[in-house]
Amino acid sequence: MRSKLVVLRPADPTHDAGYASVAAIGVSLAIAVVVSALMVRGVSSLRLAKADFRRAQAEYALDAASQLAVEQLLNSAGGIRLLWTVTAPGGETVQVLAESEAPKLSLAALVNLSPEALEPLGALNSSEAMDRLSRLSADTATPADVIAVDAATGWKACAASAISPWGQASALALTPTRPPTADTVIGPSGQIWRLRTATEDGWTEERIVRLIGRSEQPSAIIWRSFSRRSKGTGPCQTTITP
């Protein structure tokens, strides 16, 4: 009678009666965590890339809108505070606010005003705002410096429309905005204007320009700021009569 040789195979360490072992489960979880982390990282990178693209797109649209605004100012426009919309290359709608700086209150004239004169601009503390404004130098100050002297929403919207380092007025005044028209030519080159352009989703550029009028250089940028603002933060609509 022949005897049979029975070979016993070692148990498969990754299986146990059809169920995954603890080691296999651990490996699967580790892989899942790695894959999940890579997906999150990929989504974050995609969002950053989209945000960077949108910023670049907005900068391009606002720069183009500002150039169109300068062309409008150099040809014909009525008023000293103009508000209208333009269509930038690519089809984006941009709101444009153009303000002549000369009719605005000069920093030097602040010494002749009381702090109460700033109340129509919505300052939270008129005395502190006046004190901070008086410390600004017309040679180095910018619209951002004027805006920064008070934290009130009304002040941030209106201060730079009424007070300017390039202002020449001795009284605080703020005329209503109007769209540009063809009835009044802006005048000789050399004037200084503030241009505020804004996209519908809040990207905003402010620049101070000197109108030159030459075909190769219509204007010169004196100061520029680019930022993202809260949706709905529009130009000041307050009217102040001196």
Protein backbone atom coordinates (compact mmCIF):
# COMPACT_ATOMS: atom_id res chain seq x y z
CA MET A 1 0.00 0.00 0.00
CA ARG A 2 1.39 3.30 -1.08
CA SER A 3 1.41 6.19 1.30
CA LYS A 4 0.44 9.66 0.08
CA LEU A 5 2.66 12.61 0.75
CA VAL A 6 0.60 15.53 1.93
CA VAL A 7 2.18 18.96 1.39
CA LEU A 8 0.90 21.64 3.68
CA ARG A 9 1.07 25.13 2.17
CA PRO A 10 1.53 28.07 4.50
CA ALA A 11 -1.54 30.19 4.92
CA ASP A 12 -1.76 33.25 2.72
CA PRO A 13 -0.99 36.14 5.09
CA THR A 14 -3.31 38.46 3.19
CA HIS A 15 -6.38 36.26 3.39
CA ASP A 16 -8.26 34.64 6.14
CA ALA A 17 -11.25 32.55 5.08
CA GLY A 18 -12.08 35.04 2.32
CA TYR A 19 -11.66 38.17 4.47
CA ALA A 20 -8.88 40.77 4.23
CA SER A 21 -6.36 40.63 7.00
CA VAL A 22 -5.58 43.54 9.32
CA ALA A 23 -2.40 44.24 7.36
CA ALA A 24 -4.29 44.45 4.06
CA ILE A 25 -6.82 46.81 5.58
CA GLY A 26 -4.02 49.01 6.88
CA VAL A 27 -2.38 49.17 3.47
CA SER A 28 -5.70 50.05 1.81
CA LEU A 29 -6.36 52.82 4.32
CA ALA A 30 -2.90 54.24 3.82
CA ILE A 31 -3.38 54.29 0.06
CA ALA A 32 -6.78 55.95 0.47
CA VAL A 33 -5.31 58.67 2.70
CA VAL A 34 -2.54 59.37 0.21
CA VAL A 35 -4.96 59.53 -2.71
CA SER A 36 -7.29 61.80 -0.74
CA ALA A 37 -4.43 64.14 0.16
CA LEU A 38 -3.32 64.31 -3.47
CA MET A 39 -6.88 65.12 -4.57
CA VAL A 40 -7.20 67.92 -1.99
CA ARG A 41 -3.85 69.31 -3.05
CA GLY A 42 -4.87 69.15 -6.69
CA VAL A 43 -8.16 70.95 -6.03
CA SER A 44 -6.33 73.66 -4.02
CA SER A 45 -3.79 74.13 -6.79
CA LEU A 46 -6.58 74.41 -9.34
CA ARG A 47 -8.37 77.03 -7.25
CA LEU A 48 -5.17 79.05 -6.86
CA ALA A 49 -4.52 78.85 -10.57
CA LYS A 50 -8.05 80.04 -11.33
CA ALA A 51 -7.69 82.90 -8.81
CA ASP A 52 -4.37 83.98 -10.35
CA PHE A 53 -5.88 83.83 -13.82
CA ARG A 54 -8.88 85.92 -12.73
CA ARG A 55 -6.60 88.51 -11.13
CA ALA A 56 -4.53 88.80 -14.29
CA GLN A 57 -7.70 88.97 -16.37
CA ALA A 58 -9.10 91.75 -14.15
CA GLU A 59 -5.85 93.73 -14.25
CA TYR A 60 -5.87 93.58 -18.03
CA ALA A 61 -9.52 94.67 -18.25
CA LEU A 62 -9.08 97.55 -15.78
CA ASP A 63 -5.93 98.81 -17.46
CA ALA A 64 -7.73 98.81 -20.80
CA ALA A 65 -10.72 100.60 -19.26
CA SER A 66 -8.46 103.29 -17.81
CA GLN A 67 -6.90 103.89 -21.20
CA LEU A 68 -10.35 104.20 -22.74
CA ALA A 69 -11.29 106.65 -19.99
CA VAL A 70 -8.26 108.83 -20.70
CA GLU A 71 -9.20 108.88 -24.37
CA GLN A 72 -12.71 109.99 -23.37
CA LEU A 73 -11.33 112.76 -21.17
CA LEU A 74 -8.95 114.06 -23.81
CA ASN A 75 -11.66 114.31 -26.42
CA SER A 76 -14.77 115.70 -24.79
CA ALA A 77 -16.62 115.29 -21.55
CA GLY A 78 -18.75 117.43 -19.30
CA GLY A 79 -18.38 117.92 -15.57
CA ILE A 80 -15.66 117.30 -13.01
CA ARG A 81 -17.03 114.00 -11.61
CA LEU A 82 -17.91 111.50 -14.32
CA LEU A 83 -19.38 108.03 -13.91
CA TRP A 84 -20.03 105.60 -16.75
CA THR A 85 -19.36 102.07 -17.95
CA VAL A 86 -17.11 100.83 -20.71
CA THR A 87 -16.66 97.45 -22.34
CA ALA A 88 -13.07 96.29 -22.04
CA PRO A 89 -11.41 94.00 -24.58
CA GLY A 90 -12.82 90.54 -23.98
CA GLY A 91 -16.31 91.88 -23.37
CA GLU A 92 -16.07 92.59 -19.63
CA THR A 93 -18.14 95.50 -18.33
CA VAL A 94 -16.15 97.96 -16.21
CA GLN A 95 -17.46 100.90 -14.20
CA VAL A 96 -15.38 104.07 -14.51
CA LEU A 97 -15.28 107.00 -12.10
CA ALA A 98 -13.24 109.99 -13.28
CA GLU A 99 -12.66 112.98 -10.99
CA SER A 100 -10.71 116.14 -11.57
CA GLU A 101 -8.33 116.65 -8.64
CA ALA A 102 -8.02 120.45 -8.73
CA PRO A 103 -11.57 121.18 -7.43
CA LYS A 104 -11.00 119.00 -4.36
CA LEU A 105 -10.07 120.34 -0.92
CA SER A 106 -6.32 120.81 -0.57
CA LEU A 107 -4.47 119.45 2.44
CA ALA A 108 -3.11 122.92 3.18
CA ALA A 109 -6.63 124.32 3.52
CA LEU A 110 -7.48 121.95 6.36
CA VAL A 111 -5.98 124.36 8.90
CA ASN A 112 -8.85 126.76 8.19
CA LEU A 113 -11.59 124.17 8.77
CA SER A 114 -13.13 122.77 11.92
CA PRO A 115 -13.37 118.99 12.43
CA GLU A 116 -17.16 119.26 11.98
CA ALA A 117 -16.57 120.10 8.32
CA LEU A 118 -15.61 116.46 7.76
CA GLU A 119 -18.85 115.05 9.16
CA PRO A 120 -20.66 114.98 5.76
CA LEU A 121 -18.00 112.50 4.62
CA GLY A 122 -19.09 110.05 7.31
CA ALA A 123 -16.02 109.99 9.55
CA LEU A 124 -16.46 108.03 12.78
CA ASN A 125 -14.35 110.58 14.65
CA SER A 126 -14.03 113.91 12.85
CA SER A 127 -11.46 115.31 15.28
CA GLU A 128 -9.12 112.33 14.89
CA ALA A 129 -9.64 112.31 11.12
CA MET A 130 -8.76 116.01 10.93
CA ASP A 131 -5.67 115.47 13.06
CA ARG A 132 -4.45 112.61 10.87
CA LEU A 133 -5.16 114.54 7.67
CA SER A 134 -3.19 117.53 8.95
CA ARG A 135 -0.13 115.29 9.30
CA LEU A 136 -0.17 114.30 5.63
CA SER A 137 2.20 115.99 3.23
CA ALA A 138 0.90 117.09 -0.15
CA ASP A 139 4.27 116.12 -1.63
CA THR A 140 4.08 112.46 -0.61
CA ALA A 141 0.44 111.65 0.28
CA THR A 142 -1.77 109.48 -1.92
CA PRO A 143 -5.54 108.85 -2.07
CA ALA A 144 -4.92 105.68 -0.04
CA ASP A 145 -3.45 107.83 2.77
CA VAL A 146 -6.53 110.07 2.76
CA ILE A 147 -8.85 107.06 2.89
CA ALA A 148 -6.87 105.44 5.71
CA VAL A 149 -7.41 108.19 8.29
CA ASP A 150 -10.84 106.83 9.27
CA ALA A 151 -12.41 103.37 9.23
CA ALA A 152 -16.02 104.36 8.46
CA THR A 153 -17.56 102.91 5.31
CA GLY A 154 -18.84 106.30 4.21
CA TRP A 155 -15.44 107.89 4.68
CA LYS A 156 -13.69 105.18 2.70
CA ALA A 157 -16.14 105.68 -0.18
CA CYS A 158 -16.13 109.50 -0.21
CA ALA A 159 -12.95 110.94 1.29
CA ALA A 160 -10.76 110.61 -1.80
CA SER A 161 -13.53 112.17 -3.90
CA ALA A 162 -13.53 115.35 -1.80
CA ILE A 163 -9.96 115.74 -0.45
CA SER A 164 -6.78 115.43 -2.48
CA PRO A 165 -3.03 116.04 -2.19
CA TRP A 166 -3.42 117.66 -5.64
CA GLY A 167 -6.50 119.66 -4.65
CA GLN A 168 -6.59 123.43 -4.92
CA ALA A 169 -9.92 124.28 -3.28
CA SER A 170 -10.22 125.93 0.13
CA ALA A 171 -13.69 124.56 0.92
CA LEU A 172 -15.13 121.06 1.03
CA ALA A 173 -17.42 120.36 -1.92
CA LEU A 174 -18.64 117.27 -3.71
CA THR A 175 -20.65 117.55 -6.90
CA PRO A 176 -22.94 114.81 -8.23
CA THR A 177 -21.60 112.34 -10.76
CA ARG A 178 -22.79 112.44 -14.35
CA PRO A 179 -21.99 110.49 -17.49
CA PRO A 180 -19.54 112.03 -19.96
CA THR A 181 -21.09 114.14 -22.70
CA ALA A 182 -19.84 115.89 -25.79
CA ASP A 183 -20.81 119.41 -24.73
CA THR A 184 -17.66 120.50 -22.91
CA VAL A 185 -14.05 119.89 -23.83
CA ILE A 186 -11.92 118.98 -20.82
CA GLY A 187 -9.34 121.60 -21.69
CA PRO A 188 -5.58 121.84 -22.03
CA SER A 189 -3.29 118.99 -21.14
CA GLY A 190 -1.61 118.96 -17.77
CA GLN A 191 -4.73 118.39 -15.70
CA ILE A 192 -4.60 115.74 -12.98
CA TRP A 193 -7.46 113.26 -12.69
CA ARG A 194 -8.32 110.34 -10.46
CA LEU A 195 -9.57 107.26 -12.31
CA ARG A 196 -11.33 104.48 -10.43
CA THR A 197 -12.24 101.42 -12.48
CA ALA A 198 -14.07 98.40 -11.08
CA THR A 199 -15.27 95.03 -12.34
CA GLU A 200 -18.61 93.56 -11.34
CA ASP A 201 -16.92 91.08 -8.99
CA GLY A 202 -15.03 93.73 -7.02
CA TRP A 203 -11.60 94.01 -8.61
CA THR A 204 -10.72 97.71 -8.45
CA GLU A 205 -7.92 99.88 -9.77
CA GLU A 206 -7.32 103.47 -8.77
CA ARG A 207 -4.82 105.66 -10.50
CA ILE A 208 -3.89 109.32 -10.52
CA VAL A 209 -2.98 110.47 -14.02
CA ARG A 210 -1.73 113.64 -15.61
CA LEU A 211 -3.30 114.24 -19.01
CA ILE A 212 -0.64 114.80 -21.66
CA GLY A 213 -2.56 114.41 -24.88
CA ARG A 214 0.24 113.20 -27.11
CA SER A 215 -0.75 110.35 -29.38
CA GLU A 216 2.19 108.24 -28.22
CA GLN A 217 1.52 109.02 -24.55
CA PRO A 218 -2.01 110.25 -23.73
CA SER A 219 -1.35 110.33 -19.99
CA ALA A 220 1.26 109.72 -17.31
CA ILE A 221 0.50 107.62 -14.24
CA ILE A 222 1.41 109.40 -11.00
CA TRP A 223 0.04 106.78 -8.60
CA ARG A 224 -1.70 103.43 -8.96
CA SER A 225 -3.41 100.92 -6.63
CA PHE A 226 -5.00 97.55 -7.43
CA SER A 227 -7.13 95.58 -4.97
CA ARG A 228 -10.20 93.40 -4.44
CA ARG A 229 -13.08 95.13 -2.67
CA SER A 230 -16.30 93.97 -1.13
CA LYS A 231 -19.06 93.54 -3.66
CA GLY A 232 -21.32 96.56 -3.73
CA THR A 233 -18.62 99.07 -2.69
CA GLY A 234 -19.30 101.70 -5.29
CA PRO A 235 -18.29 105.33 -5.82
CA CYS A 236 -19.46 107.99 -3.39
CA GLN A 237 -22.87 109.41 -4.25
CA THR A 238 -22.86 112.07 -1.51
CA THR A 239 -23.31 115.70 -2.58
CA ILE A 240 -21.66 118.46 -0.53
CA THR A 241 -22.25 122.15 -1.21
CA PRO A 242 -19.63 124.53 0.25
